[in-house]
Amino acid sequence: KMQINVVFRHMESSKALREYAEKKLERVRASGEKIIEIEVVYIQEKQDFIVEFLANFQGHTLKVTERDGSAFAATDLAIDKFNRQLHRIQDRSRDRKHAPSI
C-alpha cells in the first residue's frame, strides 16, 4: 500500500488541500506503479504556493516541484509533471527489458 505524507511549511495545515492531493495521487496508485511512499510538501512563499512531490519506487526517487498563486493549481501542475516523469521512467525500463542483446 502506498503511503502518502502531506507536510505544510510556512502555512496553516489545510484539510481540503490534504484531501485534494490524496485524491489526485489515488489515480497514480491506480496506474499500477509500485510506489512505496510519496511525500507532498506545501510551502507558502509570499503570494505563491510551492508544491513538491517526493516519491520512492522501484529503485527510483522522483522529485517534482511546481509553483503557482493557487495551491490547488500548483498541485494540478505537479501531478501532471509527476505523471509525465513516471511514464518516462516506465518507458525506459520497458525499453531496457525488451532491448535485443547483441
PDB file of N, CA and C in Angstrom:
ATOM      1  N   LYS A   1       0.840  -1.193   0.000  1.00  0.00           N
ATOM      2  CA  LYS A   1       0.000   0.000   0.000  1.00  0.00           C
ATOM      3  C   LYS A   1       0.871   1.238   0.000  1.00  0.00           C
ATOM      4  N   MET A   2       0.520   2.191  -0.846  1.00  0.00           N
ATOM      5  CA  MET A   2       1.280   3.429  -0.962  1.00  0.00           C
ATOM      6  C   MET A   2       0.966   4.339   0.227  1.00  0.00           C
ATOM      7  N   GLN A   3       2.010   4.884   0.807  1.00  0.00           N
ATOM      8  CA  GLN A   3       1.844   5.798   1.934  1.00  0.00           C
ATOM      9  C   GLN A   3       1.993   7.226   1.426  1.00  0.00           C
ATOM     10  N   ILE A   4       1.068   8.098   1.817  1.00  0.00           N
ATOM     11  CA  ILE A   4       1.113   9.496   1.398  1.00  0.00           C
ATOM     12  C   ILE A   4       1.264  10.362   2.645  1.00  0.00           C
ATOM     13  N   ASN A   5       2.339  11.137   2.689  1.00  0.00           N
ATOM     14  CA  ASN A   5       2.559  12.078   3.790  1.00  0.00           C
ATOM     15  C   ASN A   5       2.428  13.485   3.235  1.00  0.00           C
ATOM     16  N   VAL A   6       1.599  14.299   3.865  1.00  0.00           N
ATOM     17  CA  VAL A   6       1.413  15.681   3.423  1.00  0.00           C
ATOM     18  C   VAL A   6       1.941  16.599   4.517  1.00  0.00           C
ATOM     19  N   VAL A   7       2.851  17.512   4.126  1.00  0.00           N
ATOM     20  CA  VAL A   7       3.512  18.412   5.067  1.00  0.00           C
ATOM     21  C   VAL A   7       3.249  19.852   4.632  1.00  0.00           C
ATOM     22  N   PHE A   8       3.020  20.719   5.604  1.00  0.00           N
ATOM     23  CA  PHE A   8       2.804  22.148   5.316  1.00  0.00           C
ATOM     24  C   PHE A   8       3.907  22.950   5.986  1.00  0.00           C
ATOM     25  N   ARG A   9       4.571  23.807   5.190  1.00  0.00           N
ATOM     26  CA  ARG A   9       5.628  24.663   5.733  1.00  0.00           C
ATOM     27  C   ARG A   9       5.269  26.123   5.484  1.00  0.00           C
ATOM     28  N   HIS A  10       5.430  26.931   6.505  1.00  0.00           N
ATOM     29  CA  HIS A  10       5.158  28.376   6.424  1.00  0.00           C
ATOM     30  C   HIS A  10       3.708  28.664   6.056  1.00  0.00           C
ATOM     31  N   MET A  11       2.809  27.766   6.413  1.00  0.00           N
ATOM     32  CA  MET A  11       1.388  27.983   6.148  1.00  0.00           C
ATOM     33  C   MET A  11       0.567  27.090   7.068  1.00  0.00           C
ATOM     34  N   GLU A  12      -0.709  27.439   7.195  1.00  0.00           N
ATOM     35  CA  GLU A  12      -1.618  26.638   8.011  1.00  0.00           C
ATOM     36  C   GLU A  12      -1.884  25.293   7.339  1.00  0.00           C
ATOM     37  N   SER A  13      -2.027  24.274   8.143  1.00  0.00           N
ATOM     38  CA  SER A  13      -2.414  22.963   7.624  1.00  0.00           C
ATOM     39  C   SER A  13      -3.825  23.070   7.047  1.00  0.00           C
ATOM     40  N   SER A  14      -4.045  22.458   5.902  1.00  0.00           N
ATOM     41  CA  SER A  14      -5.341  22.550   5.232  1.00  0.00           C
ATOM     42  C   SER A  14      -5.878  21.155   4.945  1.00  0.00           C
ATOM     43  N   LYS A  15      -7.018  20.839   5.564  1.00  0.00           N
ATOM     44  CA  LYS A  15      -7.636  19.530   5.328  1.00  0.00           C
ATOM     45  C   LYS A  15      -8.059  19.398   3.867  1.00  0.00           C
ATOM     46  N   ALA A  16      -8.584  20.490   3.296  1.00  0.00           N
ATOM     47  CA  ALA A  16      -9.046  20.464   1.898  1.00  0.00           C
ATOM     48  C   ALA A  16      -7.886  20.162   0.950  1.00  0.00           C
ATOM     49  N   LEU A  17      -6.733  20.824   1.167  1.00  0.00           N
ATOM     50  CA  LEU A  17      -5.560  20.583   0.316  1.00  0.00           C
ATOM     51  C   LEU A  17      -5.039  19.159   0.482  1.00  0.00           C
ATOM     52  N   ARG A  18      -5.002  18.694   1.727  1.00  0.00           N
ATOM     53  CA  ARG A  18      -4.528  17.329   2.010  1.00  0.00           C
ATOM     54  C   ARG A  18      -5.394  16.309   1.258  1.00  0.00           C
ATOM     55  N   GLU A  19      -6.716  16.462   1.364  1.00  0.00           N
ATOM     56  CA  GLU A  19      -7.626  15.529   0.697  1.00  0.00           C
ATOM     57  C   GLU A  19      -7.533  15.641  -0.821  1.00  0.00           C
ATOM     58  N   TYR A  20      -7.329  16.861  -1.322  1.00  0.00           N
ATOM     59  CA  TYR A  20      -7.202  17.089  -2.765  1.00  0.00           C
ATOM     60  C   TYR A  20      -5.971  16.345  -3.301  1.00  0.00           C
ATOM     61  N   ALA A  21      -4.845  16.507  -2.616  1.00  0.00           N
ATOM     62  CA  ALA A  21      -3.605  15.841  -3.043  1.00  0.00           C
ATOM     63  C   ALA A  21      -3.764  14.322  -2.975  1.00  0.00           C
ATOM     64  N   GLU A  22      -4.360  13.834  -1.897  1.00  0.00           N
ATOM     65  CA  GLU A  22      -4.534  12.381  -1.748  1.00  0.00           C
ATOM     66  C   GLU A  22      -5.437  11.825  -2.850  1.00  0.00           C
ATOM     67  N   LYS A  23      -6.511  12.567  -3.171  1.00  0.00           N
ATOM     68  CA  LYS A  23      -7.433  12.122  -4.223  1.00  0.00           C
ATOM     69  C   LYS A  23      -6.714  12.063  -5.578  1.00  0.00           C
ATOM     70  N   LYS A  24      -5.928  13.092  -5.877  1.00  0.00           N
ATOM     71  CA  LYS A  24      -5.185  13.122  -7.145  1.00  0.00           C
ATOM     72  C   LYS A  24      -4.164  11.979  -7.205  1.00  0.00           C
ATOM     73  N   LEU A  25      -3.521  11.703  -6.083  1.00  0.00           N
ATOM     74  CA  LEU A  25      -2.493  10.665  -6.060  1.00  0.00           C
ATOM     75  C   LEU A  25      -3.089   9.259  -6.100  1.00  0.00           C
ATOM     76  N   GLU A  26      -4.355   9.118  -5.733  1.00  0.00           N
ATOM     77  CA  GLU A  26      -5.022   7.815  -5.845  1.00  0.00           C
ATOM     78  C   GLU A  26      -5.012   7.340  -7.298  1.00  0.00           C
ATOM     79  N   ARG A  27      -5.146   8.285  -8.233  1.00  0.00           N
ATOM     80  CA  ARG A  27      -5.122   7.926  -9.660  1.00  0.00           C
ATOM     81  C   ARG A  27      -3.759   7.376 -10.057  1.00  0.00           C
ATOM     82  N   VAL A  28      -2.706   7.923  -9.458  1.00  0.00           N
ATOM     83  CA  VAL A  28      -1.348   7.421  -9.734  1.00  0.00           C
ATOM     84  C   VAL A  28      -1.251   5.986  -9.222  1.00  0.00           C
ATOM     85  N   ARG A  29      -1.815   5.743  -8.050  1.00  0.00           N
ATOM     86  CA  ARG A  29      -1.787   4.389  -7.480  1.00  0.00           C
ATOM     87  C   ARG A  29      -2.529   3.422  -8.401  1.00  0.00           C
ATOM     88  N   ALA A  30      -3.627   3.886  -8.979  1.00  0.00           N
ATOM     89  CA  ALA A  30      -4.437   3.042  -9.862  1.00  0.00           C
ATOM     90  C   ALA A  30      -3.690   2.665 -11.139  1.00  0.00           C
ATOM     91  N   SER A  31      -2.647   3.431 -11.484  1.00  0.00           N
ATOM     92  CA  SER A  31      -1.878   3.136 -12.700  1.00  0.00           C
ATOM     93  C   SER A  31      -1.025   1.885 -12.544  1.00  0.00           C
ATOM     94  N   GLY A  32      -0.936   1.375 -11.302  1.00  0.00           N
ATOM     95  CA  GLY A  32      -0.241   0.114 -11.094  1.00  0.00           C
ATOM     96  C   GLY A  32       1.223   0.242 -10.732  1.00  0.00           C
ATOM     97  N   GLU A  33       1.715   1.446 -10.592  1.00  0.00           N
ATOM     98  CA  GLU A  33       3.119   1.622 -10.214  1.00  0.00           C
ATOM     99  C   GLU A  33       3.346   1.163  -8.778  1.00  0.00           C
ATOM    100  N   LYS A  34       4.505   0.612  -8.527  1.00  0.00           N
ATOM    101  CA  LYS A  34       4.846   0.128  -7.191  1.00  0.00           C
ATOM    102  C   LYS A  34       5.487   1.264  -6.379  1.00  0.00           C
ATOM    103  N   ILE A  35       4.699   2.271  -6.096  1.00  0.00           N
ATOM    104  CA  ILE A  35       5.210   3.401  -5.330  1.00  0.00           C
ATOM    105  C   ILE A  35       5.055   3.077  -3.849  1.00  0.00           C
ATOM    106  N   ILE A  36       6.143   3.207  -3.124  1.00  0.00           N
ATOM    107  CA  ILE A  36       6.141   2.862  -1.709  1.00  0.00           C
ATOM    108  C   ILE A  36       5.616   4.037  -0.887  1.00  0.00           C
ATOM    109  N   GLU A  37       6.154   5.218  -1.183  1.00  0.00           N
ATOM    110  CA  GLU A  37       5.830   6.383  -0.362  1.00  0.00           C
ATOM    111  C   GLU A  37       5.899   7.646  -1.206  1.00  0.00           C
ATOM    112  N   ILE A  38       4.969   8.547  -0.961  1.00  0.00           N
ATOM    113  CA  ILE A  38       5.021   9.864  -1.584  1.00  0.00           C
ATOM    114  C   ILE A  38       4.906  10.903  -0.483  1.00  0.00           C
ATOM    115  N   GLU A  39       5.824  11.850  -0.499  1.00  0.00           N
ATOM    116  CA  GLU A  39       5.729  12.978   0.422  1.00  0.00           C
ATOM    117  C   GLU A  39       5.321  14.197  -0.388  1.00  0.00           C
ATOM    118  N   VAL A  40       4.271  14.863   0.054  1.00  0.00           N
ATOM    119  CA  VAL A  40       3.786  16.077  -0.593  1.00  0.00           C
ATOM    120  C   VAL A  40       4.085  17.224   0.365  1.00  0.00           C
ATOM    121  N   VAL A  41       4.837  18.211  -0.114  1.00  0.00           N
ATOM    122  CA  VAL A  41       5.202  19.346   0.733  1.00  0.00           C
ATOM    123  C   VAL A  41       4.607  20.607   0.133  1.00  0.00           C
ATOM    124  N   TYR A  42       3.812  21.308   0.936  1.00  0.00           N
ATOM    125  CA  TYR A  42       3.252  22.598   0.536  1.00  0.00           C
ATOM    126  C   TYR A  42       4.025  23.692   1.272  1.00  0.00           C
ATOM    127  N   ILE A  43       4.519  24.664   0.514  1.00  0.00           N
ATOM    128  CA  ILE A  43       5.274  25.773   1.095  1.00  0.00           C
ATOM    129  C   ILE A  43       4.659  27.077   0.593  1.00  0.00           C
ATOM    130  N   GLN A  44       4.370  27.975   1.521  1.00  0.00           N
ATOM    131  CA  GLN A  44       3.879  29.286   1.092  1.00  0.00           C
ATOM    132  C   GLN A  44       5.054  30.250   1.114  1.00  0.00           C
ATOM    133  N   GLU A  45       5.232  30.938  -0.016  1.00  0.00           N
ATOM    134  CA  GLU A  45       6.331  31.888  -0.157  1.00  0.00           C
ATOM    135  C   GLU A  45       5.750  33.179  -0.719  1.00  0.00           C
ATOM    136  N   LYS A  46       5.570  34.163   0.116  1.00  0.00           N
ATOM    137  CA  LYS A  46       4.906  35.418  -0.260  1.00  0.00           C
ATOM    138  C   LYS A  46       3.531  35.111  -0.846  1.00  0.00           C
ATOM    139  N   GLN A  47       3.295  35.454  -2.107  1.00  0.00           N
ATOM    140  CA  GLN A  47       1.973  35.224  -2.710  1.00  0.00           C
ATOM    141  C   GLN A  47       1.867  33.873  -3.411  1.00  0.00           C
ATOM    142  N   ASP A  48       2.965  33.133  -3.473  1.00  0.00           N
ATOM    143  CA  ASP A  48       2.988  31.866  -4.208  1.00  0.00           C
ATOM    144  C   ASP A  48       2.922  30.655  -3.282  1.00  0.00           C
ATOM    145  N   PHE A  49       2.460  29.574  -3.877  1.00  0.00           N
ATOM    146  CA  PHE A  49       2.495  28.277  -3.203  1.00  0.00           C
ATOM    147  C   PHE A  49       3.407  27.366  -4.007  1.00  0.00           C
ATOM    148  N   ILE A  50       4.277  26.682  -3.311  1.00  0.00           N
ATOM    149  CA  ILE A  50       5.180  25.721  -3.940  1.00  0.00           C
ATOM    150  C   ILE A  50       4.737  24.335  -3.486  1.00  0.00           C
ATOM    151  N   VAL A  51       4.641  23.429  -4.439  1.00  0.00           N
ATOM    152  CA  VAL A  51       4.279  22.049  -4.131  1.00  0.00           C
ATOM    153  C   VAL A  51       5.421  21.153  -4.578  1.00  0.00           C
ATOM    154  N   GLU A  52       5.876  20.301  -3.680  1.00  0.00           N
ATOM    155  CA  GLU A  52       6.916  19.326  -4.009  1.00  0.00           C
ATOM    156  C   GLU A  52       6.357  17.928  -3.793  1.00  0.00           C
ATOM    157  N   PHE A  53       6.617  17.054  -4.749  1.00  0.00           N
ATOM    158  CA  PHE A  53       6.299  15.634  -4.591  1.00  0.00           C
ATOM    159  C   PHE A  53       7.629  14.890  -4.555  1.00  0.00           C
ATOM    160  N   LEU A  54       7.818  14.064  -3.557  1.00  0.00           N
ATOM    161  CA  LEU A  54       8.989  13.192  -3.469  1.00  0.00           C
ATOM    162  C   LEU A  54       8.472  11.768  -3.380  1.00  0.00           C
ATOM    163  N   ALA A  55       8.839  10.933  -4.344  1.00  0.00           N
ATOM    164  CA  ALA A  55       8.320   9.563  -4.378  1.00  0.00           C
ATOM    165  C   ALA A  55       9.460   8.563  -4.479  1.00  0.00           C
ATOM    166  N   ASN A  56       9.282   7.428  -3.803  1.00  0.00           N
ATOM    167  CA  ASN A  56      10.243   6.327  -3.874  1.00  0.00           C
ATOM    168  C   ASN A  56       9.551   5.115  -4.465  1.00  0.00           C
ATOM    169  N   PHE A  57      10.138   4.550  -5.539  1.00  0.00           N
ATOM    170  CA  PHE A  57       9.579   3.335  -6.130  1.00  0.00           C
ATOM    171  C   PHE A  57      10.614   2.672  -7.013  1.00  0.00           C
ATOM    172  N   GLN A  58      10.583   1.371  -7.071  1.00  0.00           N
ATOM    173  CA  GLN A  58      11.417   0.563  -7.965  1.00  0.00           C
ATOM    174  C   GLN A  58      12.847   1.073  -8.086  1.00  0.00           C
ATOM    175  N   GLY A  59      13.453   1.432  -6.988  1.00  0.00           N
ATOM    176  CA  GLY A  59      14.839   1.891  -7.034  1.00  0.00           C
ATOM    177  C   GLY A  59      15.002   3.301  -7.565  1.00  0.00           C
ATOM    178  N   HIS A  60      13.930   4.001  -7.794  1.00  0.00           N
ATOM    179  CA  HIS A  60      13.989   5.378  -8.285  1.00  0.00           C
ATOM    180  C   HIS A  60      13.476   6.329  -7.219  1.00  0.00           C
ATOM    181  N   THR A  61      14.001   7.548  -7.241  1.00  0.00           N
ATOM    182  CA  THR A  61      13.449   8.629  -6.445  1.00  0.00           C
ATOM    183  C   THR A  61      13.025   9.699  -7.424  1.00  0.00           C
ATOM    184  N   LEU A  62      11.799  10.123  -7.309  1.00  0.00           N
ATOM    185  CA  LEU A  62      11.247  11.102  -8.234  1.00  0.00           C
ATOM    186  C   LEU A  62      10.909  12.362  -7.456  1.00  0.00           C
ATOM    187  N   LYS A  63      11.395  13.514  -7.938  1.00  0.00           N
ATOM    188  CA  LYS A  63      11.099  14.779  -7.272  1.00  0.00           C
ATOM    189  C   LYS A  63      10.517  15.744  -8.297  1.00  0.00           C
ATOM    190  N   VAL A  64       9.382  16.334  -7.939  1.00  0.00           N
ATOM    191  CA  VAL A  64       8.704  17.289  -8.804  1.00  0.00           C
ATOM    192  C   VAL A  64       8.403  18.528  -7.976  1.00  0.00           C
ATOM    193  N   THR A  65       8.658  19.708  -8.547  1.00  0.00           N
ATOM    194  CA  THR A  65       8.352  20.962  -7.859  1.00  0.00           C
ATOM    195  C   THR A  65       7.585  21.868  -8.810  1.00  0.00           C
ATOM    196  N   GLU A  66       6.496  22.433  -8.320  1.00  0.00           N
ATOM    197  CA  GLU A  66       5.716  23.401  -9.100  1.00  0.00           C
ATOM    198  C   GLU A  66       5.329  24.575  -8.222  1.00  0.00           C
ATOM    199  N   ARG A  67       5.089  25.741  -8.870  1.00  0.00           N
ATOM    200  CA  ARG A  67       4.755  26.965  -8.145  1.00  0.00           C
ATOM    201  C   ARG A  67       3.580  27.640  -8.844  1.00  0.00           C
ATOM    202  N   ASP A  68       2.650  28.160  -8.037  1.00  0.00           N
ATOM    203  CA  ASP A  68       1.514  28.883  -8.600  1.00  0.00           C
ATOM    204  C   ASP A  68       0.915  29.769  -7.505  1.00  0.00           C
ATOM    205  N   GLY A  69       0.088  30.724  -7.902  1.00  0.00           N
ATOM    206  CA  GLY A  69      -0.592  31.581  -6.941  1.00  0.00           C
ATOM    207  C   GLY A  69      -1.660  30.842  -6.160  1.00  0.00           C
ATOM    208  N   SER A  70      -2.105  29.712  -6.703  1.00  0.00           N
ATOM    209  CA  SER A  70      -3.103  28.872  -6.038  1.00  0.00           C
ATOM    210  C   SER A  70      -2.464  27.529  -5.694  1.00  0.00           C
ATOM    211  N   ALA A  71      -2.644  27.107  -4.455  1.00  0.00           N
ATOM    212  CA  ALA A  71      -2.076  25.819  -4.036  1.00  0.00           C
ATOM    213  C   ALA A  71      -2.714  24.669  -4.808  1.00  0.00           C
ATOM    214  N   PHE A  72      -4.004  24.799  -5.135  1.00  0.00           N
ATOM    215  CA  PHE A  72      -4.693  23.739  -5.879  1.00  0.00           C
ATOM    216  C   PHE A  72      -4.163  23.653  -7.311  1.00  0.00           C
ATOM    217  N   ALA A  73      -3.951  24.817  -7.937  1.00  0.00           N
ATOM    218  CA  ALA A  73      -3.405  24.834  -9.304  1.00  0.00           C
ATOM    219  C   ALA A  73      -1.984  24.281  -9.315  1.00  0.00           C
ATOM    220  N   ALA A  74      -1.190  24.638  -8.306  1.00  0.00           N
ATOM    221  CA  ALA A  74       0.180  24.113  -8.214  1.00  0.00           C
ATOM    222  C   ALA A  74       0.154  22.599  -8.057  1.00  0.00           C
ATOM    223  N   THR A  75      -0.828  22.083  -7.318  1.00  0.00           N
ATOM    224  CA  THR A  75      -0.976  20.628  -7.149  1.00  0.00           C
ATOM    225  C   THR A  75      -1.265  19.974  -8.495  1.00  0.00           C
ATOM    226  N   ASP A  76      -2.192  20.574  -9.257  1.00  0.00           N
ATOM    227  CA  ASP A  76      -2.526  20.019 -10.583  1.00  0.00           C
ATOM    228  C   ASP A  76      -1.305  20.002 -11.502  1.00  0.00           C
ATOM    229  N   LEU A  77      -0.549  21.103 -11.512  1.00  0.00           N
ATOM    230  CA  LEU A  77       0.659  21.173 -12.345  1.00  0.00           C
ATOM    231  C   LEU A  77       1.668  20.108 -11.921  1.00  0.00           C
ATOM    232  N   ALA A  78       1.838  19.960 -10.614  1.00  0.00           N
ATOM    233  CA  ALA A  78       2.799  18.973 -10.103  1.00  0.00           C
ATOM    234  C   ALA A  78       2.362  17.550 -10.444  1.00  0.00           C
ATOM    235  N   ILE A  79       1.067  17.266 -10.340  1.00  0.00           N
ATOM    236  CA  ILE A  79       0.544  15.927 -10.684  1.00  0.00           C
ATOM    237  C   ILE A  79       0.822  15.624 -12.159  1.00  0.00           C
ATOM    238  N   ASP A  80       0.561  16.609 -13.029  1.00  0.00           N
ATOM    239  CA  ASP A  80       0.804  16.409 -14.463  1.00  0.00           C
ATOM    240  C   ASP A  80       2.278  16.106 -14.731  1.00  0.00           C
ATOM    241  N   LYS A  81       3.153  16.897 -14.132  1.00  0.00           N
ATOM    242  CA  LYS A  81       4.592  16.685 -14.338  1.00  0.00           C
ATOM    243  C   LYS A  81       5.021  15.342 -13.746  1.00  0.00           C
ATOM    244  N   PHE A  82       4.488  15.008 -12.583  1.00  0.00           N
ATOM    245  CA  PHE A  82       4.797  13.750 -11.918  1.00  0.00           C
ATOM    246  C   PHE A  82       4.417  12.570 -12.817  1.00  0.00           C
ATOM    247  N   ASN A  83       3.213  12.616 -13.393  1.00  0.00           N
ATOM    248  CA  ASN A  83       2.758  11.543 -14.287  1.00  0.00           C
ATOM    249  C   ASN A  83       3.643  11.425 -15.522  1.00  0.00           C
ATOM    250  N   ARG A  84       4.042  12.562 -16.098  1.00  0.00           N
ATOM    251  CA  ARG A  84       4.930  12.528 -17.273  1.00  0.00           C
ATOM    252  C   ARG A  84       6.256  11.862 -16.932  1.00  0.00           C
ATOM    253  N   GLN A  85       6.840  12.234 -15.791  1.00  0.00           N
ATOM    254  CA  GLN A  85       8.126  11.647 -15.398  1.00  0.00           C
ATOM    255  C   GLN A  85       7.985  10.160 -15.087  1.00  0.00           C
ATOM    256  N   LEU A  86       6.868   9.806 -14.466  1.00  0.00           N
ATOM    257  CA  LEU A  86       6.609   8.409 -14.147  1.00  0.00           C
ATOM    258  C   LEU A  86       6.526   7.572 -15.424  1.00  0.00           C
ATOM    259  N   HIS A  87       5.804   8.079 -16.427  1.00  0.00           N
ATOM    260  CA  HIS A  87       5.685   7.365 -17.701  1.00  0.00           C
ATOM    261  C   HIS A  87       7.038   7.261 -18.401  1.00  0.00           C
ATOM    262  N   ARG A  88       7.847   8.313 -18.292  1.00  0.00           N
ATOM    263  CA  ARG A  88       9.174   8.285 -18.913  1.00  0.00           C
ATOM    264  C   ARG A  88      10.029   7.181 -18.290  1.00  0.00           C
ATOM    265  N   ILE A  89       9.964   7.066 -16.971  1.00  0.00           N
ATOM    266  CA  ILE A  89      10.728   6.015 -16.283  1.00  0.00           C
ATOM    267  C   ILE A  89      10.188   4.632 -16.661  1.00  0.00           C
ATOM    268  N   GLN A  90       8.862   4.501 -16.731  1.00  0.00           N
ATOM    269  CA  GLN A  90       8.252   3.228 -17.135  1.00  0.00           C
ATOM    270  C   GLN A  90       8.715   2.838 -18.534  1.00  0.00           C
ATOM    271  N   ASP A  91       8.681   3.806 -19.453  1.00  0.00           N
ATOM    272  CA  ASP A  91       9.075   3.529 -20.836  1.00  0.00           C
ATOM    273  C   ASP A  91      10.538   3.115 -20.910  1.00  0.00           C
ATOM    274  N   ARG A  92      11.390   3.805 -20.152  1.00  0.00           N
ATOM    275  CA  ARG A  92      12.812   3.478 -20.160  1.00  0.00           C
ATOM    276  C   ARG A  92      13.054   2.060 -19.668  1.00  0.00           C
ATOM    277  N   SER A  93      12.379   1.696 -18.564  1.00  0.00           N
ATOM    278  CA  SER A  93      12.610   0.348 -18.034  1.00  0.00           C
ATOM    279  C   SER A  93      12.023  -0.702 -18.970  1.00  0.00           C
ATOM    280  N   ARG A  94      10.921  -0.389 -19.643  1.00  0.00           N
ATOM    281  CA  ARG A  94      10.334  -1.307 -20.609  1.00  0.00           C
ATOM    282  C   ARG A  94      11.288  -1.486 -21.793  1.00  0.00           C
ATOM    283  N   ASP A  95      11.879  -0.379 -22.277  1.00  0.00           N
ATOM    284  CA  ASP A  95      12.801  -0.446 -23.398  1.00  0.00           C
ATOM    285  C   ASP A  95      14.023  -1.297 -23.051  1.00  0.00           C
ATOM    286  N   ARG A  96      14.509  -1.178 -21.828  1.00  0.00           N
ATOM    287  CA  ARG A  96      15.678  -1.939 -21.427  1.00  0.00           C
ATOM    288  C   ARG A  96      15.373  -3.431 -21.386  1.00  0.00           C
ATOM    289  N   LYS A  97      14.177  -3.765 -20.884  1.00  0.00           N
ATOM    290  CA  LYS A  97      13.800  -5.180 -20.765  1.00  0.00           C
ATOM    291  C   LYS A  97      13.671  -5.840 -22.130  1.00  0.00           C
ATOM    292  N   HIS A  98      13.235  -5.071 -23.125  1.00  0.00           N
ATOM    293  CA  HIS A  98      12.962  -5.643 -24.437  1.00  0.00           C
ATOM    294  C   HIS A  98      14.048  -5.333 -25.470  1.00  0.00           C
ATOM    295  N   ALA A  99      15.148  -4.783 -25.009  1.00  0.00           N
ATOM    296  CA  ALA A  99      16.219  -4.457 -25.948  1.00  0.00           C
ATOM    297  C   ALA A  99      16.870  -5.769 -26.423  1.00  0.00           C
ATOM    298  N   PRO A 100      17.098  -5.868 -27.725  1.00  0.00           N
ATOM    299  CA  PRO A 100      17.728  -7.105 -28.225  1.00  0.00           C
ATOM    300  C   PRO A 100      19.187  -7.170 -27.778  1.00  0.00           C
ATOM    301  N   SER A 101      19.613  -8.349 -27.389  1.00  0.00           N
ATOM    302  CA  SER A 101      21.008  -8.491 -26.971  1.00  0.00           C
ATOM    303  C   SER A 101      21.881  -8.627 -28.221  1.00  0.00           C
ATOM    304  N   ILE A 102      23.089  -8.090 -28.112  1.00  0.00           N
ATOM    305  CA  ILE A 102      23.990  -8.064 -29.280  1.00  0.00           C
ATOM    306  C   ILE A 102      24.976  -9.201 -29.179  1.00  0.00           C
TER     307      ILE A 102
END
